[in-house]
């Protein structure tokens, strides 16, 4: 995959990064981060760029952890559900075999 170069100008900092992701995806990621930082600055009245970036990173990481936990719970439920269905199917097959 070709690397894309992204110019970031944010909170008084300016730099360029390279990514394996496409430009559109990286723009969405950066936009989401910027929206979170703006929200932190407005709602918590944080003006320091470093503090608002760190807080935003913490909030986004919290979102990630919660989503991972929800995903794990859904997968665990599905596995248990299929396991139970498999056991029931096995018992039915055993009964059919015994009756033949």
N, C-alpha and C. Protein backbone atom coordinates (compact mmCIF):
# COMPACT_ATOMS: atom_id res chain seq x y z
N UNK A 1 0.84 -1.18 0.00
CA UNK A 1 0.00 0.00 0.00
C UNK A 1 0.89 1.24 0.00
N UNK A 2 0.55 2.22 -0.78
CA UNK A 2 1.32 3.44 -0.87
C UNK A 2 1.12 4.29 0.37
N UNK A 3 2.18 4.93 0.77
CA UNK A 3 2.10 5.82 1.93
C UNK A 3 1.53 7.16 1.49
N UNK A 4 0.70 7.74 2.36
CA UNK A 4 0.21 9.08 2.07
C UNK A 4 0.86 10.04 3.05
N UNK A 5 1.06 11.26 2.61
CA UNK A 5 1.65 12.29 3.44
C UNK A 5 0.56 13.26 3.85
N UNK A 6 0.48 13.50 5.16
CA UNK A 6 -0.56 14.37 5.69
C UNK A 6 0.07 15.51 6.46
N UNK A 7 -0.33 16.71 6.10
CA UNK A 7 0.15 17.92 6.78
C UNK A 7 -0.85 18.24 7.88
N UNK A 8 -0.36 18.34 9.10
CA UNK A 8 -1.21 18.64 10.24
C UNK A 8 -0.86 20.01 10.78
N UNK A 9 -1.88 20.87 10.89
CA UNK A 9 -1.74 22.18 11.52
C UNK A 9 -2.82 22.26 12.56
N UNK A 10 -2.39 22.21 13.83
CA UNK A 10 -3.36 22.07 14.90
C UNK A 10 -2.80 22.60 16.21
N UNK A 11 -3.58 23.39 16.90
CA UNK A 11 -3.23 23.94 18.21
C UNK A 11 -1.85 24.60 18.23
N UNK A 12 -1.54 25.30 17.17
CA UNK A 12 -0.28 26.03 17.10
C UNK A 12 0.90 25.18 16.65
N UNK A 13 0.67 23.91 16.41
CA UNK A 13 1.74 23.03 15.95
C UNK A 13 1.52 22.73 14.47
N UNK A 14 2.60 22.50 13.77
CA UNK A 14 2.53 22.19 12.36
C UNK A 14 3.59 21.15 12.04
N UNK A 15 3.15 20.04 11.44
CA UNK A 15 4.09 18.99 11.08
C UNK A 15 3.47 18.10 10.01
N UNK A 16 4.30 17.24 9.45
CA UNK A 16 3.87 16.32 8.40
C UNK A 16 4.11 14.89 8.87
N UNK A 17 3.14 14.02 8.60
CA UNK A 17 3.31 12.61 8.93
C UNK A 17 3.08 11.77 7.68
N UNK A 18 3.60 10.55 7.71
CA UNK A 18 3.33 9.59 6.65
C UNK A 18 2.50 8.47 7.24
N UNK A 19 1.58 7.95 6.44
CA UNK A 19 0.70 6.89 6.92
C UNK A 19 0.44 5.89 5.80
N UNK A 20 0.18 4.65 6.20
CA UNK A 20 -0.23 3.63 5.24
C UNK A 20 -1.70 3.78 4.88
N UNK A 21 -2.43 4.57 5.67
CA UNK A 21 -3.85 4.79 5.42
C UNK A 21 -4.03 5.85 4.33
N UNK A 22 -5.20 5.82 3.69
CA UNK A 22 -5.42 6.80 2.63
C UNK A 22 -5.74 8.18 3.23
N UNK A 23 -5.59 9.17 2.40
CA UNK A 23 -5.73 10.58 2.81
C UNK A 23 -7.11 10.85 3.42
N UNK A 24 -8.16 10.34 2.80
CA UNK A 24 -9.52 10.58 3.28
C UNK A 24 -9.72 10.02 4.69
N UNK A 25 -9.23 8.81 4.91
CA UNK A 25 -9.35 8.20 6.23
C UNK A 25 -8.60 9.02 7.28
N UNK A 26 -7.38 9.41 6.97
CA UNK A 26 -6.58 10.19 7.92
C UNK A 26 -7.22 11.55 8.20
N UNK A 27 -7.84 12.15 7.19
CA UNK A 27 -8.54 13.41 7.41
C UNK A 27 -9.71 13.22 8.36
N UNK A 28 -10.42 12.08 8.24
CA UNK A 28 -11.53 11.80 9.16
C UNK A 28 -11.03 11.60 10.59
N UNK A 29 -9.91 10.90 10.74
CA UNK A 29 -9.32 10.68 12.06
C UNK A 29 -8.93 12.01 12.68
N UNK A 30 -8.25 12.83 11.92
CA UNK A 30 -7.80 14.13 12.42
C UNK A 30 -9.00 15.02 12.75
N UNK A 31 -10.01 15.00 11.92
CA UNK A 31 -11.21 15.79 12.17
C UNK A 31 -11.89 15.35 13.46
N UNK A 32 -11.97 14.05 13.68
CA UNK A 32 -12.59 13.53 14.90
C UNK A 32 -11.80 13.99 16.12
N UNK A 33 -10.48 13.91 16.04
CA UNK A 33 -9.64 14.34 17.15
C UNK A 33 -9.82 15.84 17.42
N UNK A 34 -9.82 16.64 16.34
CA UNK A 34 -9.99 18.09 16.49
C UNK A 34 -11.34 18.42 17.13
N UNK A 35 -12.40 17.72 16.71
CA UNK A 35 -13.72 17.94 17.29
C UNK A 35 -13.71 17.64 18.79
N UNK A 36 -13.03 16.58 19.18
CA UNK A 36 -12.93 16.23 20.59
C UNK A 36 -12.16 17.27 21.38
N UNK A 37 -11.07 17.76 20.82
CA UNK A 37 -10.29 18.79 21.50
C UNK A 37 -11.13 20.06 21.64
N UNK A 38 -11.83 20.45 20.58
CA UNK A 38 -12.69 21.64 20.64
C UNK A 38 -13.76 21.48 21.72
N UNK A 39 -14.34 20.29 21.81
CA UNK A 39 -15.37 20.02 22.82
C UNK A 39 -14.78 20.14 24.23
N UNK A 40 -13.59 19.60 24.43
CA UNK A 40 -12.92 19.70 25.73
C UNK A 40 -12.68 21.16 26.08
N UNK A 41 -12.18 21.92 25.12
CA UNK A 41 -11.88 23.33 25.37
C UNK A 41 -13.14 24.11 25.72
N UNK A 42 -14.26 23.80 25.04
CA UNK A 42 -15.52 24.51 25.31
C UNK A 42 -16.14 24.08 26.63
N UNK A 43 -16.28 22.78 26.83
CA UNK A 43 -17.05 22.30 27.99
C UNK A 43 -16.27 22.38 29.29
N UNK A 44 -14.96 22.17 29.23
CA UNK A 44 -14.15 22.21 30.46
C UNK A 44 -13.37 23.50 30.60
N UNK A 45 -13.53 24.38 29.63
CA UNK A 45 -12.84 25.67 29.64
C UNK A 45 -11.32 25.52 29.78
N UNK A 46 -10.78 24.56 29.02
CA UNK A 46 -9.33 24.33 29.02
C UNK A 46 -8.75 25.05 27.81
N UNK A 47 -7.81 25.94 28.06
CA UNK A 47 -7.22 26.72 26.97
C UNK A 47 -5.83 26.23 26.57
N UNK A 48 -5.16 25.54 27.48
CA UNK A 48 -3.81 25.06 27.20
C UNK A 48 -3.86 23.94 26.16
N UNK A 49 -3.17 24.09 25.01
CA UNK A 49 -3.22 23.08 23.94
C UNK A 49 -2.77 21.70 24.39
N UNK A 50 -1.72 21.62 25.19
CA UNK A 50 -1.22 20.33 25.64
C UNK A 50 -2.26 19.63 26.54
N UNK A 51 -2.83 20.36 27.49
CA UNK A 51 -3.83 19.78 28.39
C UNK A 51 -5.07 19.33 27.62
N UNK A 52 -5.53 20.17 26.70
CA UNK A 52 -6.74 19.80 25.95
C UNK A 52 -6.48 18.59 25.05
N UNK A 53 -5.27 18.47 24.50
CA UNK A 53 -4.93 17.31 23.68
C UNK A 53 -4.85 16.05 24.53
N UNK A 54 -4.24 16.15 25.70
CA UNK A 54 -4.12 14.99 26.58
C UNK A 54 -5.50 14.54 27.05
N UNK A 55 -6.33 15.50 27.48
CA UNK A 55 -7.69 15.15 27.92
C UNK A 55 -8.49 14.52 26.78
N UNK A 56 -8.36 15.07 25.59
CA UNK A 56 -9.06 14.51 24.44
C UNK A 56 -8.59 13.09 24.18
N UNK A 57 -7.28 12.87 24.24
CA UNK A 57 -6.74 11.52 24.06
C UNK A 57 -7.29 10.55 25.09
N UNK A 58 -7.42 11.01 26.33
CA UNK A 58 -7.98 10.16 27.39
C UNK A 58 -9.44 9.82 27.11
N UNK A 59 -10.23 10.83 26.71
CA UNK A 59 -11.64 10.59 26.41
C UNK A 59 -11.82 9.63 25.23
N UNK A 60 -11.01 9.81 24.19
CA UNK A 60 -11.08 8.93 23.03
C UNK A 60 -10.66 7.51 23.41
N UNK A 61 -9.62 7.39 24.23
CA UNK A 61 -9.19 6.07 24.70
C UNK A 61 -10.28 5.41 25.53
N UNK A 62 -10.98 6.20 26.34
CA UNK A 62 -12.11 5.69 27.11
C UNK A 62 -13.18 5.14 26.17
N UNK A 63 -13.50 5.89 25.12
CA UNK A 63 -14.47 5.42 24.13
C UNK A 63 -14.02 4.08 23.52
N UNK A 64 -12.75 4.00 23.18
CA UNK A 64 -12.19 2.79 22.58
C UNK A 64 -12.33 1.61 23.53
N UNK A 65 -11.94 1.78 24.79
CA UNK A 65 -12.02 0.70 25.77
C UNK A 65 -13.46 0.24 25.97
N UNK A 66 -14.38 1.18 26.07
CA UNK A 66 -15.79 0.82 26.26
C UNK A 66 -16.33 0.07 25.05
N UNK A 67 -15.95 0.49 23.85
CA UNK A 67 -16.41 -0.19 22.64
C UNK A 67 -15.81 -1.59 22.56
N UNK A 68 -14.55 -1.73 22.92
CA UNK A 68 -13.93 -3.06 22.95
C UNK A 68 -14.66 -3.98 23.91
N UNK A 69 -15.02 -3.45 25.08
CA UNK A 69 -15.73 -4.24 26.08
C UNK A 69 -17.10 -4.66 25.56
N UNK A 70 -17.81 -3.73 24.91
CA UNK A 70 -19.12 -4.07 24.33
C UNK A 70 -18.96 -5.14 23.25
N UNK A 71 -17.94 -5.03 22.44
CA UNK A 71 -17.69 -6.01 21.38
C UNK A 71 -17.38 -7.37 21.99
N UNK A 72 -16.53 -7.39 23.02
CA UNK A 72 -16.21 -8.65 23.71
C UNK A 72 -17.46 -9.29 24.28
N UNK A 73 -18.31 -8.47 24.91
CA UNK A 73 -19.55 -8.98 25.49
C UNK A 73 -20.46 -9.57 24.42
N UNK A 74 -20.57 -8.87 23.26
CA UNK A 74 -21.41 -9.38 22.17
C UNK A 74 -20.85 -10.69 21.63
N UNK A 75 -19.55 -10.76 21.46
CA UNK A 75 -18.93 -11.98 20.94
C UNK A 75 -19.09 -13.13 21.93
N UNK A 76 -18.90 -12.83 23.21
CA UNK A 76 -19.05 -13.86 24.24
C UNK A 76 -20.48 -14.39 24.24
N UNK A 77 -21.46 -13.48 24.13
CA UNK A 77 -22.86 -13.89 24.10
C UNK A 77 -23.12 -14.78 22.88
N UNK A 78 -22.60 -14.38 21.72
CA UNK A 78 -22.81 -15.16 20.49
C UNK A 78 -22.18 -16.54 20.60
N UNK A 79 -20.98 -16.62 21.17
CA UNK A 79 -20.31 -17.91 21.31
C UNK A 79 -21.10 -18.80 22.26
N UNK A 80 -21.55 -18.24 23.38
CA UNK A 80 -22.34 -19.03 24.33
C UNK A 80 -23.65 -19.48 23.69
N UNK A 81 -24.26 -18.60 22.92
CA UNK A 81 -25.52 -18.92 22.26
C UNK A 81 -25.32 -20.07 21.27
N UNK A 82 -24.25 -19.99 20.46
CA UNK A 82 -23.97 -21.05 19.49
C UNK A 82 -23.56 -22.33 20.19
N UNK A 83 -22.85 -22.23 21.29
CA UNK A 83 -22.46 -23.42 22.05
C UNK A 83 -23.68 -24.15 22.55
N UNK A 84 -24.59 -23.41 23.11
CA UNK A 84 -25.83 -24.00 23.63
C UNK A 84 -26.62 -24.64 22.49
N UNK A 85 -26.72 -23.95 21.37
CA UNK A 85 -27.43 -24.50 20.21
C UNK A 85 -26.75 -25.76 19.72
N UNK A 86 -25.42 -25.78 19.73
CA UNK A 86 -24.67 -26.96 19.31
C UNK A 86 -24.93 -28.14 20.22
N UNK A 87 -24.97 -27.87 21.53
CA UNK A 87 -25.25 -28.95 22.48
C UNK A 87 -26.65 -29.51 22.27
N UNK A 88 -27.62 -28.65 22.06
CA UNK A 88 -29.00 -29.09 21.82
C UNK A 88 -29.06 -29.92 20.54
N UNK A 89 -28.40 -29.44 19.48
CA UNK A 89 -28.39 -30.18 18.22
C UNK A 89 -27.74 -31.55 18.41
N UNK A 90 -26.66 -31.61 19.18
CA UNK A 90 -25.98 -32.88 19.43
C UNK A 90 -26.90 -33.86 20.17
N UNK A 91 -27.63 -33.38 21.17
CA UNK A 91 -28.56 -34.23 21.91
C UNK A 91 -29.68 -34.73 21.00
N UNK A 92 -30.19 -33.88 20.13
CA UNK A 92 -31.25 -34.28 19.21
C UNK A 92 -30.74 -35.36 18.25
N UNK A 93 -29.54 -35.14 17.72
CA UNK A 93 -28.95 -36.12 16.80
C UNK A 93 -28.74 -37.45 17.52
N UNK A 94 -28.27 -37.38 18.77
CA UNK A 94 -28.07 -38.61 19.55
C UNK A 94 -29.38 -39.36 19.74
N UNK A 95 -30.47 -38.63 20.05
CA UNK A 95 -31.79 -39.26 20.24
C UNK A 95 -32.27 -39.89 18.93
N UNK A 96 -32.08 -39.19 17.83
CA UNK A 96 -32.49 -39.73 16.53
C UNK A 96 -31.72 -41.02 16.24
N UNK A 97 -30.39 -40.97 16.48
CA UNK A 97 -29.56 -42.16 16.24
C UNK A 97 -30.01 -43.33 17.12
N UNK A 98 -30.33 -43.03 18.37
CA UNK A 98 -30.77 -44.10 19.30
C UNK A 98 -32.10 -44.70 18.88
N UNK A 99 -32.98 -43.89 18.33
CA UNK A 99 -34.30 -44.37 17.95
C UNK A 99 -34.28 -45.14 16.63
N UNK A 100 -33.24 -45.01 15.85
CA UNK A 100 -33.13 -45.73 14.58
C UNK A 100 -32.57 -47.06 14.85
